[in-house]
Amino acid sequence: VVPIIGGARVSGKVNKTNVGFLSMFTEDDPEAGIDANNYTVARVNHQFAARSAIGAMFINRLGIGDGEEDNYNRSYAIDGRWGLGKKAQIFGYYAGTSTPGIEDGEYSFKLQTEYLWNGLNIRGAYTEVAEGFNPEVGFLLRSAFRKPEFTILKQIRPNGKMGGILELRPHITYRSYWNFDNFLETSFVHIDNHWEWKNGFEVHTGINFTVEGVVED
């Protein structure tokens, strides 16, 4: 258990701007190998018309005490979404970290587009997390990868012409993870259709194709 001394938090909304701030201090615990730290998180997000917004975040862990000048980890990010009419949106973020001893590849970004209209949903995205990206206050599910992905889904209403079926939802999903040597580490393809009847009965018929690349024996 990390011994917490105390801290302060402020959050709220000013017109169309959301703000949040948290700062907390912890004591050291020599037996557990835990240093004293200050943790600070600041977040701002401003909403615009047409389903658009822009935001920024800053996260800092700072060691407290003598000789702790190089004991820190900082993360920062900007993010946003842009509404394109009533049918489409673009999402994205760019994040970076700063850690003593790590000089290169301290970034991560994602760009995603989405089109939704008349039962058709198309999404595509590309994510990249560099080898030096190191958000210590938080976690990464996976590091050092490039990830393309897409989903296509169509909702079909037969209007009672197919034996009481209310809706069909054929769709395909793809995502893969590549390392920075252009080696395919993971690939996943999902092809499916949901059959939903008016009485609530539902059947899913699908197949998955997976690939796992082994980097080391």
Protein backbone atom coordinates (compact mmCIF):
# COMPACT_ATOMS: atom_id res chain seq x y z
CA VAL A 1 0.00 0.00 0.00
CA VAL A 2 1.39 3.40 -1.00
CA PRO A 3 1.25 5.76 2.02
CA ILE A 4 -0.63 8.89 0.93
CA ILE A 5 -0.03 12.16 2.79
CA GLY A 6 -2.77 14.18 1.11
CA GLY A 7 -3.58 16.36 -1.86
CA ALA A 8 -6.12 18.53 -3.61
CA ARG A 9 -8.53 18.16 -6.50
CA VAL A 10 -10.52 20.64 -8.59
CA SER A 11 -12.90 19.76 -11.40
CA GLY A 12 -15.80 21.40 -13.14
CA LYS A 13 -17.11 23.09 -16.25
CA VAL A 14 -16.91 26.71 -17.37
CA ASN A 15 -19.34 27.29 -20.24
CA LYS A 16 -18.19 24.69 -22.81
CA THR A 17 -14.81 24.02 -21.21
CA ASN A 18 -14.21 21.08 -18.86
CA VAL A 19 -11.28 21.40 -16.46
CA GLY A 20 -9.72 19.02 -13.99
CA PHE A 21 -6.69 19.20 -11.69
CA LEU A 22 -5.33 16.73 -9.13
CA SER A 23 -2.13 16.88 -7.07
CA MET A 24 -1.23 14.32 -4.40
CA PHE A 25 1.80 13.62 -2.20
CA THR A 26 2.97 10.20 -1.01
CA GLU A 27 5.48 9.18 1.66
CA ASP A 28 8.38 6.83 1.16
CA ASP A 29 8.36 3.24 2.40
CA PRO A 30 11.95 1.86 2.46
CA GLU A 31 10.82 -1.69 3.27
CA ALA A 32 8.59 -1.78 0.18
CA GLY A 33 11.07 0.14 -1.99
CA ILE A 34 8.63 3.04 -2.50
CA ASP A 35 9.99 6.59 -2.86
CA ALA A 36 8.20 9.75 -1.83
CA ASN A 37 6.52 11.37 -4.83
CA ASN A 38 4.22 14.10 -5.98
CA TYR A 39 1.65 13.10 -8.59
CA THR A 40 -0.06 15.82 -10.64
CA VAL A 41 -2.67 15.53 -13.39
CA ALA A 42 -4.19 18.45 -15.31
CA ARG A 43 -6.84 18.19 -18.02
CA VAL A 44 -8.77 20.69 -20.15
CA ASN A 45 -11.30 20.04 -22.90
CA HIS A 46 -13.27 22.59 -24.90
CA GLN A 47 -16.37 21.69 -26.91
CA PHE A 48 -17.27 23.40 -30.18
CA ALA A 49 -20.32 23.22 -32.40
CA ALA A 50 -20.79 20.42 -34.94
CA ARG A 51 -19.71 17.67 -32.52
CA SER A 52 -16.15 18.99 -32.34
CA ALA A 53 -13.77 19.42 -29.40
CA ILE A 54 -10.12 19.91 -28.50
CA GLY A 55 -8.31 18.99 -25.31
CA ALA A 56 -4.95 18.71 -23.58
CA MET A 57 -3.53 16.78 -20.64
CA PHE A 58 -0.39 16.91 -18.51
CA ILE A 59 0.71 14.21 -16.03
CA ASN A 60 3.76 14.46 -13.77
CA ARG A 61 5.43 12.18 -11.24
CA LEU A 62 8.20 13.92 -9.31
CA GLY A 63 10.45 12.38 -6.68
CA ILE A 64 10.66 14.31 -3.42
CA GLY A 65 13.82 14.70 -1.37
CA ASP A 66 17.56 15.23 -1.77
CA GLY A 67 19.15 13.73 -4.85
CA GLU A 68 15.81 13.29 -6.60
CA GLU A 69 16.41 15.82 -9.41
CA ASP A 70 16.42 13.09 -12.08
CA ASN A 71 13.60 11.04 -10.54
CA TYR A 72 10.61 12.10 -12.60
CA ASN A 73 8.30 11.01 -15.39
CA ARG A 74 6.11 13.34 -17.43
CA SER A 75 3.37 12.67 -19.96
CA TYR A 76 1.56 15.22 -22.12
CA ALA A 77 -1.05 14.95 -24.83
CA ILE A 78 -3.37 16.86 -27.11
CA ASP A 79 -6.53 15.33 -28.53
CA GLY A 80 -9.58 16.31 -30.49
CA ARG A 81 -12.50 15.39 -32.66
CA TRP A 82 -13.92 17.13 -35.70
CA GLY A 83 -17.47 16.60 -36.85
CA LEU A 84 -17.95 16.51 -40.62
CA GLY A 85 -21.61 17.26 -41.11
CA LYS A 86 -24.00 14.77 -39.57
CA LYS A 87 -22.41 11.64 -41.00
CA ALA A 88 -18.70 11.60 -40.20
CA GLN A 89 -16.15 12.41 -37.51
CA ILE A 90 -12.37 12.46 -37.23
CA PHE A 91 -10.72 11.65 -33.90
CA GLY A 92 -7.08 11.87 -32.95
CA TYR A 93 -4.45 12.38 -30.29
CA TYR A 94 -0.71 12.91 -29.99
CA ALA A 95 1.10 12.10 -26.74
CA GLY A 96 4.67 12.22 -25.53
CA THR A 97 6.62 11.30 -22.42
CA SER A 98 9.81 12.50 -20.77
CA THR A 99 11.89 10.05 -18.72
CA PRO A 100 15.55 10.41 -17.68
CA GLY A 101 17.65 7.89 -19.58
CA ILE A 102 15.23 7.59 -22.53
CA GLU A 103 16.13 9.81 -25.46
CA ASP A 104 14.33 8.48 -28.55
CA GLY A 105 10.85 7.34 -29.54
CA GLU A 106 8.93 8.94 -26.67
CA TYR A 107 5.67 9.43 -28.58
CA SER A 108 2.32 7.89 -29.39
CA PHE A 109 -0.49 8.98 -31.71
CA LYS A 110 -3.78 7.79 -33.16
CA LEU A 111 -5.98 8.95 -36.03
CA GLN A 112 -9.49 7.55 -36.46
CA THR A 113 -12.31 8.30 -38.89
CA GLU A 114 -15.93 7.22 -38.61
CA TYR A 115 -18.87 7.36 -41.04
CA LEU A 116 -22.35 6.57 -39.73
CA TRP A 117 -25.44 6.97 -41.88
CA ASN A 118 -28.59 5.02 -42.77
CA GLY A 119 -27.47 1.86 -40.98
CA LEU A 120 -23.95 1.87 -42.45
CA ASN A 121 -21.05 2.23 -40.01
CA ILE A 122 -17.49 2.47 -41.36
CA ARG A 123 -14.54 3.04 -39.03
CA GLY A 124 -10.84 3.13 -39.77
CA ALA A 125 -7.89 3.95 -37.52
CA TYR A 126 -4.12 3.91 -37.28
CA THR A 127 -2.24 3.89 -33.95
CA GLU A 128 1.48 4.07 -33.33
CA VAL A 129 3.26 3.66 -29.98
CA ALA A 130 7.02 4.16 -30.14
CA GLU A 131 9.53 2.09 -28.18
CA GLY A 132 10.44 4.93 -25.80
CA PHE A 133 6.86 5.93 -24.92
CA ASN A 134 6.79 5.45 -21.14
CA PRO A 135 3.72 6.75 -19.21
CA GLU A 136 4.65 5.59 -15.70
CA VAL A 137 1.54 7.13 -14.12
CA GLY A 138 -0.82 4.78 -15.89
CA PHE A 139 -0.26 1.71 -18.04
CA LEU A 140 0.10 0.43 -21.58
CA LEU A 141 -1.65 -2.73 -22.73
CA ARG A 142 1.05 -3.10 -25.38
CA SER A 143 4.17 -1.14 -26.34
CA ALA A 144 6.27 -0.54 -29.47
CA PHE A 145 3.73 -1.22 -32.24
CA ARG A 146 1.96 0.08 -35.31
CA LYS A 147 -1.73 -0.81 -35.48
CA PRO A 148 -4.02 -0.41 -38.52
CA GLU A 149 -7.69 -1.36 -38.03
CA PHE A 150 -11.09 -1.01 -39.64
CA THR A 151 -14.73 -2.07 -39.16
CA ILE A 152 -17.59 -2.16 -41.67
CA LEU A 153 -21.11 -2.86 -40.36
CA LYS A 154 -24.49 -2.62 -42.08
CA GLN A 155 -27.87 -2.73 -40.35
CA ILE A 156 -30.56 -4.20 -42.61
CA ARG A 157 -34.29 -4.16 -41.75
CA PRO A 158 -36.21 -6.62 -44.03
CA ASN A 159 -39.59 -5.16 -42.91
CA GLY A 160 -41.10 -8.56 -42.22
CA LYS A 161 -40.16 -10.07 -45.59
CA MET A 162 -37.80 -12.72 -44.15
CA GLY A 163 -39.71 -14.92 -41.71
CA GLY A 164 -40.14 -12.42 -38.90
CA ILE A 165 -36.53 -11.21 -38.89
CA LEU A 166 -36.29 -7.72 -37.43
CA GLU A 167 -32.69 -6.91 -38.33
CA LEU A 168 -29.54 -8.29 -39.93
CA ARG A 169 -26.12 -6.89 -39.00
CA PRO A 170 -23.38 -8.25 -41.31
CA HIS A 171 -19.96 -6.86 -40.42
CA ILE A 172 -16.23 -7.37 -40.73
CA THR A 173 -13.50 -6.21 -38.35
CA TYR A 174 -9.74 -6.21 -38.87
CA ARG A 175 -6.81 -5.17 -36.67
CA SER A 176 -3.13 -6.01 -36.62
CA TYR A 177 -0.01 -5.17 -34.65
CA TRP A 178 3.34 -4.68 -36.40
CA ASN A 179 6.63 -4.00 -34.68
CA PHE A 180 9.09 -1.40 -35.94
CA ASP A 181 10.96 -4.05 -37.94
CA ASN A 182 7.76 -4.52 -40.03
CA PHE A 183 7.15 -7.94 -38.45
CA LEU A 184 3.51 -8.99 -37.97
CA GLU A 185 3.09 -9.84 -34.29
CA THR A 186 -0.72 -10.18 -34.14
CA SER A 187 -3.52 -10.15 -36.70
CA PHE A 188 -7.26 -10.56 -36.16
CA VAL A 189 -10.06 -10.73 -38.76
CA HIS A 190 -13.68 -11.17 -37.59
CA ILE A 191 -16.48 -11.87 -40.12
CA ASP A 192 -19.95 -12.13 -38.62
CA ASN A 193 -23.69 -11.59 -39.05
CA HIS A 194 -26.26 -11.02 -36.29
CA TRP A 195 -29.76 -12.36 -36.96
CA GLU A 196 -32.38 -10.73 -34.74
CA TRP A 197 -36.07 -11.68 -34.80
CA LYS A 198 -39.02 -9.55 -33.69
CA ASN A 199 -39.63 -11.79 -30.65
CA GLY A 200 -36.13 -11.02 -29.34
CA PHE A 201 -34.49 -14.30 -30.43
CA GLU A 202 -31.00 -13.67 -31.74
CA VAL A 203 -28.33 -15.76 -33.49
CA HIS A 204 -24.73 -14.79 -34.26
CA THR A 205 -22.86 -16.63 -37.01
CA GLY A 206 -19.20 -15.71 -37.34
CA ILE A 207 -15.65 -16.83 -37.94
CA ASN A 208 -12.32 -15.47 -36.72
CA PHE A 209 -8.93 -15.63 -38.42
CA THR A 210 -6.00 -15.02 -36.08
CA VAL A 211 -2.23 -14.88 -36.56
CA GLU A 212 0.41 -14.73 -33.81
CA GLY A 213 3.96 -14.05 -34.91
CA VAL A 214 6.70 -15.28 -32.57
CA VAL A 215 9.60 -12.83 -32.39
CA GLU A 216 11.78 -15.09 -30.21
CA ASP A 217 11.85 -18.90 -29.87
